[in-house]
N, C-alpha and C. Protein backbone atom coordinates (compact mmCIF):
# COMPACT_ATOMS: atom_id res chain seq x y z
N MET A 1 156.67 -71.13 -124.67
CA MET A 1 156.93 -69.75 -124.26
C MET A 1 156.07 -68.83 -125.09
N GLY A 2 155.57 -67.82 -124.48
CA GLY A 2 154.83 -66.80 -125.19
C GLY A 2 154.89 -65.49 -124.43
N GLN A 3 155.31 -64.44 -125.10
CA GLN A 3 155.30 -63.10 -124.54
C GLN A 3 154.13 -62.37 -125.21
N ILE A 4 153.25 -61.82 -124.41
CA ILE A 4 152.01 -61.28 -124.95
C ILE A 4 151.86 -59.80 -124.60
N LYS A 5 151.52 -59.02 -125.62
CA LYS A 5 151.24 -57.59 -125.46
C LYS A 5 149.80 -57.34 -125.84
N ILE A 6 149.10 -56.55 -125.02
CA ILE A 6 147.71 -56.22 -125.28
C ILE A 6 147.58 -54.70 -125.30
N TYR A 7 147.07 -54.18 -126.40
CA TYR A 7 146.92 -52.74 -126.61
C TYR A 7 145.44 -52.39 -126.71
N GLY A 8 145.06 -51.26 -126.12
CA GLY A 8 143.71 -50.77 -126.24
C GLY A 8 143.60 -49.39 -125.61
N LEU A 9 142.47 -48.74 -125.82
CA LEU A 9 142.22 -47.45 -125.16
C LEU A 9 142.15 -47.68 -123.66
N LYS A 10 142.81 -46.83 -122.89
CA LYS A 10 142.93 -47.07 -121.45
C LYS A 10 141.59 -47.18 -120.75
N GLU A 11 140.60 -46.39 -121.17
CA GLU A 11 139.29 -46.44 -120.52
C GLU A 11 138.62 -47.79 -120.69
N LYS A 12 138.89 -48.46 -121.80
CA LYS A 12 138.28 -49.77 -122.07
C LYS A 12 139.17 -50.91 -121.59
N LEU A 13 140.48 -50.75 -121.71
CA LEU A 13 141.40 -51.85 -121.38
C LEU A 13 141.63 -52.00 -119.87
N ASN A 14 141.85 -50.91 -119.18
CA ASN A 14 142.20 -50.99 -117.76
C ASN A 14 141.20 -51.79 -116.91
N PRO A 15 139.90 -51.57 -117.07
CA PRO A 15 138.96 -52.32 -116.22
C PRO A 15 138.91 -53.82 -116.52
N LYS A 16 139.46 -54.23 -117.67
CA LYS A 16 139.35 -55.64 -118.08
C LYS A 16 140.70 -56.36 -118.13
N LYS A 17 141.73 -55.79 -117.55
CA LYS A 17 143.05 -56.41 -117.63
C LYS A 17 143.05 -57.83 -117.07
N GLU A 18 142.51 -58.01 -115.89
CA GLU A 18 142.51 -59.34 -115.26
C GLU A 18 141.72 -60.34 -116.10
N LYS A 19 140.58 -59.92 -116.61
CA LYS A 19 139.76 -60.80 -117.45
C LYS A 19 140.51 -61.16 -118.73
N TRP A 20 141.13 -60.16 -119.37
CA TRP A 20 141.92 -60.43 -120.57
C TRP A 20 143.03 -61.43 -120.27
N SER A 21 143.71 -61.25 -119.17
CA SER A 21 144.80 -62.15 -118.81
C SER A 21 144.28 -63.58 -118.66
N GLU A 22 143.18 -63.74 -117.98
CA GLU A 22 142.57 -65.08 -117.81
C GLU A 22 142.20 -65.69 -119.16
N VAL A 23 141.55 -64.91 -120.00
CA VAL A 23 141.11 -65.40 -121.31
C VAL A 23 142.30 -65.82 -122.16
N ILE A 24 143.27 -64.94 -122.28
CA ILE A 24 144.43 -65.23 -123.13
C ILE A 24 145.18 -66.45 -122.62
N HIS A 25 145.40 -66.50 -121.32
CA HIS A 25 146.16 -67.62 -120.77
C HIS A 25 145.42 -68.94 -120.96
N SER A 26 144.13 -68.95 -120.76
CA SER A 26 143.37 -70.20 -120.95
C SER A 26 143.47 -70.67 -122.40
N CYS A 27 143.49 -69.75 -123.33
CA CYS A 27 143.62 -70.11 -124.76
C CYS A 27 145.01 -70.64 -125.06
N MET A 28 146.04 -70.03 -124.49
CA MET A 28 147.42 -70.49 -124.70
C MET A 28 147.61 -71.89 -124.11
N VAL A 29 147.06 -72.12 -122.94
CA VAL A 29 147.18 -73.44 -122.30
C VAL A 29 146.48 -74.50 -123.14
N GLU A 30 145.29 -74.19 -123.62
CA GLU A 30 144.54 -75.17 -124.40
C GLU A 30 145.14 -75.41 -125.78
N ALA A 31 145.43 -74.35 -126.51
CA ALA A 31 145.90 -74.51 -127.90
C ALA A 31 147.35 -74.95 -127.98
N PHE A 32 148.20 -74.43 -127.10
CA PHE A 32 149.65 -74.70 -127.17
C PHE A 32 150.14 -75.64 -126.08
N GLU A 33 149.24 -76.08 -125.20
CA GLU A 33 149.59 -76.98 -124.10
C GLU A 33 150.68 -76.39 -123.20
N LEU A 34 150.63 -75.06 -123.01
CA LEU A 34 151.58 -74.42 -122.10
C LEU A 34 151.24 -74.80 -120.66
N PRO A 35 152.25 -74.88 -119.80
CA PRO A 35 151.96 -75.11 -118.38
C PRO A 35 151.18 -73.93 -117.80
N GLU A 36 150.39 -74.21 -116.79
CA GLU A 36 149.57 -73.18 -116.15
C GLU A 36 150.40 -72.01 -115.63
N ASN A 37 151.63 -72.27 -115.21
CA ASN A 37 152.43 -71.21 -114.59
C ASN A 37 153.21 -70.37 -115.59
N LYS A 38 153.04 -70.58 -116.89
CA LYS A 38 153.76 -69.81 -117.92
C LYS A 38 152.86 -68.69 -118.43
N LYS A 39 152.85 -67.59 -117.69
CA LYS A 39 152.00 -66.45 -118.05
C LYS A 39 152.86 -65.20 -118.08
N PHE A 40 153.00 -64.59 -119.29
CA PHE A 40 153.80 -63.39 -119.47
C PHE A 40 152.98 -62.37 -120.26
N HIS A 41 152.25 -61.52 -119.56
CA HIS A 41 151.34 -60.57 -120.20
C HIS A 41 151.75 -59.14 -119.85
N ARG A 42 151.73 -58.28 -120.87
CA ARG A 42 152.00 -56.86 -120.67
C ARG A 42 150.88 -56.07 -121.32
N PHE A 43 150.37 -55.10 -120.58
CA PHE A 43 149.26 -54.29 -121.07
C PHE A 43 149.75 -52.89 -121.42
N PHE A 44 149.21 -52.39 -122.52
CA PHE A 44 149.55 -51.06 -123.01
C PHE A 44 148.27 -50.25 -123.16
N PRO A 45 147.78 -49.67 -122.05
CA PRO A 45 146.61 -48.80 -122.13
C PRO A 45 147.01 -47.50 -122.83
N MET A 46 146.30 -47.14 -123.85
CA MET A 46 146.66 -46.01 -124.70
C MET A 46 145.71 -44.84 -124.49
N GLU A 47 146.28 -43.65 -124.63
CA GLU A 47 145.47 -42.43 -124.69
C GLU A 47 144.83 -42.36 -126.07
N ASN A 48 143.72 -41.69 -126.19
CA ASN A 48 143.02 -41.58 -127.48
C ASN A 48 143.94 -41.07 -128.59
N GLU A 49 144.76 -40.07 -128.27
CA GLU A 49 145.61 -39.49 -129.31
C GLU A 49 146.78 -40.39 -129.70
N ASP A 50 147.02 -41.46 -128.93
CA ASP A 50 148.13 -42.37 -129.22
C ASP A 50 147.69 -43.69 -129.85
N PHE A 51 146.40 -43.86 -130.07
CA PHE A 51 145.89 -45.13 -130.59
C PHE A 51 144.93 -44.82 -131.73
N ILE A 52 145.46 -44.77 -132.91
CA ILE A 52 144.69 -44.42 -134.10
C ILE A 52 144.23 -45.71 -134.78
N PHE A 53 142.94 -45.79 -135.08
CA PHE A 53 142.41 -46.98 -135.75
C PHE A 53 141.24 -46.57 -136.64
N PRO A 54 140.84 -47.45 -137.56
CA PRO A 54 139.80 -47.11 -138.53
C PRO A 54 138.45 -46.79 -137.89
N ASP A 55 137.66 -46.02 -138.60
CA ASP A 55 136.34 -45.61 -138.14
C ASP A 55 135.37 -46.77 -137.97
N ASP A 56 135.64 -47.89 -138.63
CA ASP A 56 134.72 -49.02 -138.52
C ASP A 56 135.01 -49.90 -137.29
N ARG A 57 135.90 -49.45 -136.40
CA ARG A 57 136.16 -50.11 -135.13
C ARG A 57 135.57 -49.23 -134.02
N SER A 58 135.21 -49.88 -132.92
CA SER A 58 134.66 -49.11 -131.80
C SER A 58 135.78 -48.76 -130.82
N GLU A 59 135.44 -48.06 -129.75
CA GLU A 59 136.42 -47.72 -128.73
C GLU A 59 136.93 -48.95 -127.98
N ALA A 60 136.28 -50.08 -128.18
CA ALA A 60 136.72 -51.33 -127.56
C ALA A 60 137.83 -52.02 -128.36
N TYR A 61 138.20 -51.45 -129.50
CA TYR A 61 139.22 -52.04 -130.37
C TYR A 61 140.45 -52.43 -129.56
N THR A 62 140.90 -53.66 -129.74
CA THR A 62 142.01 -54.22 -128.97
C THR A 62 142.93 -54.99 -129.90
N ILE A 63 144.23 -54.87 -129.66
CA ILE A 63 145.23 -55.61 -130.43
C ILE A 63 145.99 -56.52 -129.47
N ILE A 64 146.13 -57.78 -129.86
CA ILE A 64 146.92 -58.75 -129.10
C ILE A 64 148.07 -59.20 -129.97
N GLU A 65 149.30 -59.03 -129.48
CA GLU A 65 150.49 -59.50 -130.18
C GLU A 65 151.13 -60.59 -129.33
N ILE A 66 151.38 -61.74 -129.94
CA ILE A 66 151.92 -62.89 -129.22
C ILE A 66 153.23 -63.31 -129.88
N SER A 67 154.31 -63.23 -129.13
CA SER A 67 155.61 -63.69 -129.59
C SER A 67 155.84 -65.09 -129.05
N ILE A 68 156.17 -66.02 -129.96
CA ILE A 68 156.33 -67.43 -129.57
C ILE A 68 157.55 -68.03 -130.25
N PHE A 69 158.03 -69.14 -129.68
CA PHE A 69 159.06 -69.94 -130.33
C PHE A 69 158.48 -70.56 -131.59
N GLU A 70 159.30 -70.76 -132.58
CA GLU A 70 158.90 -71.53 -133.76
C GLU A 70 158.61 -72.97 -133.35
N GLY A 71 157.77 -73.63 -134.13
CA GLY A 71 157.55 -75.05 -133.92
C GLY A 71 156.11 -75.48 -133.79
N ARG A 72 155.21 -74.55 -133.53
CA ARG A 72 153.80 -74.94 -133.41
C ARG A 72 153.21 -75.20 -134.79
N SER A 73 152.29 -76.12 -134.85
CA SER A 73 151.64 -76.45 -136.12
C SER A 73 150.67 -75.34 -136.52
N SER A 74 150.35 -75.30 -137.81
CA SER A 74 149.34 -74.36 -138.30
C SER A 74 148.02 -74.58 -137.59
N GLU A 75 147.69 -75.84 -137.34
CA GLU A 75 146.42 -76.16 -136.68
C GLU A 75 146.38 -75.59 -135.27
N SER A 76 147.48 -75.71 -134.51
CA SER A 76 147.45 -75.19 -133.14
C SER A 76 147.41 -73.66 -133.14
N LYS A 77 148.05 -73.02 -134.10
CA LYS A 77 148.00 -71.55 -134.18
C LYS A 77 146.61 -71.08 -134.57
N LYS A 78 145.98 -71.76 -135.53
CA LYS A 78 144.61 -71.40 -135.89
C LYS A 78 143.66 -71.65 -134.72
N ARG A 79 143.89 -72.73 -133.99
CA ARG A 79 143.06 -73.03 -132.82
C ARG A 79 143.19 -71.92 -131.78
N LEU A 80 144.41 -71.44 -131.56
CA LEU A 80 144.61 -70.34 -130.62
C LEU A 80 143.81 -69.11 -131.04
N ILE A 81 143.89 -68.76 -132.29
CA ILE A 81 143.18 -67.58 -132.80
C ILE A 81 141.67 -67.77 -132.65
N GLU A 82 141.17 -68.95 -133.01
CA GLU A 82 139.73 -69.22 -132.86
C GLU A 82 139.29 -69.10 -131.41
N LEU A 83 140.07 -69.69 -130.50
CA LEU A 83 139.73 -69.62 -129.08
C LEU A 83 139.74 -68.19 -128.57
N LEU A 84 140.73 -67.40 -129.00
CA LEU A 84 140.80 -66.00 -128.55
C LEU A 84 139.57 -65.22 -129.00
N PHE A 85 139.17 -65.37 -130.25
CA PHE A 85 137.97 -64.67 -130.71
C PHE A 85 136.73 -65.12 -129.93
N GLN A 86 136.60 -66.42 -129.75
CA GLN A 86 135.43 -66.97 -129.05
C GLN A 86 135.38 -66.51 -127.60
N ARG A 87 136.46 -66.70 -126.88
CA ARG A 87 136.45 -66.39 -125.45
C ARG A 87 136.45 -64.89 -125.17
N ALA A 88 137.06 -64.13 -126.06
CA ALA A 88 137.01 -62.67 -125.89
C ALA A 88 135.57 -62.18 -126.02
N ALA A 89 134.85 -62.70 -126.98
CA ALA A 89 133.45 -62.30 -127.16
C ALA A 89 132.62 -62.70 -125.94
N GLU A 90 132.87 -63.89 -125.41
CA GLU A 90 132.10 -64.38 -124.25
C GLU A 90 132.46 -63.65 -122.96
N SER A 91 133.73 -63.37 -122.76
CA SER A 91 134.19 -62.88 -121.45
C SER A 91 134.45 -61.39 -121.36
N THR A 92 134.75 -60.75 -122.49
CA THR A 92 135.08 -59.33 -122.44
C THR A 92 134.13 -58.49 -123.29
N ASP A 93 133.17 -59.12 -123.93
CA ASP A 93 132.20 -58.43 -124.79
C ASP A 93 132.86 -57.69 -125.95
N ILE A 94 133.98 -58.22 -126.43
CA ILE A 94 134.66 -57.64 -127.58
C ILE A 94 134.16 -58.34 -128.84
N ALA A 95 133.63 -57.58 -129.77
CA ALA A 95 133.19 -58.14 -131.03
C ALA A 95 134.40 -58.55 -131.87
N PRO A 96 134.28 -59.58 -132.68
CA PRO A 96 135.40 -59.98 -133.54
C PRO A 96 135.95 -58.83 -134.39
N SER A 97 135.11 -57.91 -134.79
CA SER A 97 135.57 -56.78 -135.60
C SER A 97 136.43 -55.80 -134.80
N ASP A 98 136.40 -55.91 -133.47
CA ASP A 98 137.19 -55.03 -132.61
C ASP A 98 138.42 -55.71 -132.02
N LEU A 99 138.76 -56.88 -132.54
CA LEU A 99 139.92 -57.60 -132.02
C LEU A 99 140.83 -58.00 -133.17
N GLU A 100 142.11 -57.70 -133.03
CA GLU A 100 143.11 -58.15 -133.99
C GLU A 100 144.21 -58.88 -133.24
N ILE A 101 144.64 -59.99 -133.81
CA ILE A 101 145.61 -60.88 -133.18
C ILE A 101 146.75 -61.12 -134.16
N THR A 102 147.97 -60.99 -133.69
CA THR A 102 149.13 -61.29 -134.52
C THR A 102 150.05 -62.22 -133.75
N LEU A 103 150.48 -63.30 -134.42
CA LEU A 103 151.48 -64.21 -133.87
C LEU A 103 152.82 -63.92 -134.53
N PHE A 104 153.84 -63.74 -133.71
CA PHE A 104 155.21 -63.54 -134.20
C PHE A 104 156.02 -64.75 -133.76
N GLU A 105 156.55 -65.49 -134.73
CA GLU A 105 157.35 -66.68 -134.42
C GLU A 105 158.82 -66.40 -134.70
N THR A 106 159.67 -66.79 -133.76
CA THR A 106 161.11 -66.65 -133.96
C THR A 106 161.79 -67.92 -133.47
N PRO A 107 162.97 -68.21 -134.03
CA PRO A 107 163.72 -69.37 -133.56
C PRO A 107 164.09 -69.22 -132.09
N ARG A 108 164.18 -70.34 -131.41
CA ARG A 108 164.50 -70.31 -129.97
C ARG A 108 165.84 -69.64 -129.70
N GLN A 109 166.79 -69.79 -130.61
CA GLN A 109 168.11 -69.18 -130.37
C GLN A 109 168.04 -67.65 -130.38
N ASN A 110 166.94 -67.07 -130.82
CA ASN A 110 166.77 -65.62 -130.82
C ASN A 110 166.20 -65.09 -129.51
N TRP A 111 165.95 -65.98 -128.56
CA TRP A 111 165.41 -65.59 -127.26
C TRP A 111 166.49 -65.78 -126.20
N GLY A 112 166.59 -64.87 -125.26
CA GLY A 112 167.45 -65.02 -124.10
C GLY A 112 166.60 -65.15 -122.86
N ILE A 113 166.73 -66.27 -122.16
CA ILE A 113 165.87 -66.55 -121.01
C ILE A 113 166.72 -67.16 -119.90
N ARG A 114 166.58 -66.64 -118.70
CA ARG A 114 167.29 -67.16 -117.52
C ARG A 114 168.79 -67.33 -117.78
N GLY A 115 169.38 -66.37 -118.50
CA GLY A 115 170.82 -66.35 -118.70
C GLY A 115 171.34 -67.20 -119.85
N LEU A 116 170.43 -67.75 -120.66
CA LEU A 116 170.84 -68.62 -121.76
C LEU A 116 170.05 -68.32 -123.02
N PRO A 117 170.63 -68.65 -124.19
CA PRO A 117 169.79 -68.68 -125.38
C PRO A 117 168.73 -69.77 -125.18
N ALA A 118 167.51 -69.51 -125.58
CA ALA A 118 166.42 -70.44 -125.30
C ALA A 118 166.61 -71.82 -125.91
N ASP A 119 167.38 -71.93 -126.99
CA ASP A 119 167.60 -73.26 -127.57
C ASP A 119 168.53 -74.11 -126.70
N GLU A 120 169.12 -73.52 -125.67
CA GLU A 120 169.96 -74.28 -124.73
C GLU A 120 169.22 -74.59 -123.43
N LEU A 121 168.00 -74.10 -123.30
CA LEU A 121 167.20 -74.35 -122.10
C LEU A 121 166.54 -75.72 -122.16
N GLN A 122 166.43 -76.34 -121.00
CA GLN A 122 165.64 -77.56 -120.87
C GLN A 122 164.23 -77.13 -120.50
N LEU A 123 163.28 -77.32 -121.40
CA LEU A 123 161.89 -76.90 -121.16
C LEU A 123 161.10 -78.04 -120.57
N ASN A 124 160.08 -77.69 -119.77
CA ASN A 124 159.22 -78.72 -119.20
C ASN A 124 157.88 -78.81 -119.94
N TYR A 125 157.88 -78.37 -121.18
CA TYR A 125 156.69 -78.46 -122.02
C TYR A 125 157.11 -78.60 -123.48
N LYS A 126 156.16 -79.07 -124.31
CA LYS A 126 156.44 -79.28 -125.73
C LYS A 126 156.24 -78.00 -126.53
N ILE A 127 157.03 -77.86 -127.57
CA ILE A 127 156.86 -76.75 -128.51
C ILE A 127 156.11 -77.23 -129.75
N ASN A 128 156.40 -78.43 -130.17
CA ASN A 128 155.83 -78.98 -131.41
C ASN A 128 154.46 -79.57 -131.15
N VAL A 129 153.45 -78.69 -130.99
CA VAL A 129 152.07 -79.14 -130.80
C VAL A 129 151.24 -78.71 -131.98
């Protein structure tokens, strides 16, 4: 499971939403072995006055926040981050200096999904990758 939020200036983010979604999902599938149909992406296009960032970033500056269940190895999390930087540069022309990625891990019992705490759900994919 992964809930993903993508933040950026609306002029830069809006035209690339579909591409971002493809890139992020392909990285999640490869690094975390998520099923192809597990895609939960939310975009937050920001007005200039609502998105303050350092002068050494360009207007393409983008933040990706990924909330996941606990259990993935350090190697798979690092692999996800590496893939995101690589594929973002190739597919969205975002320089590594304009991309920040944060993973938030929480226990499954802290998630409510389909009417149950997630630790009571029968999943069709592995968490411990």
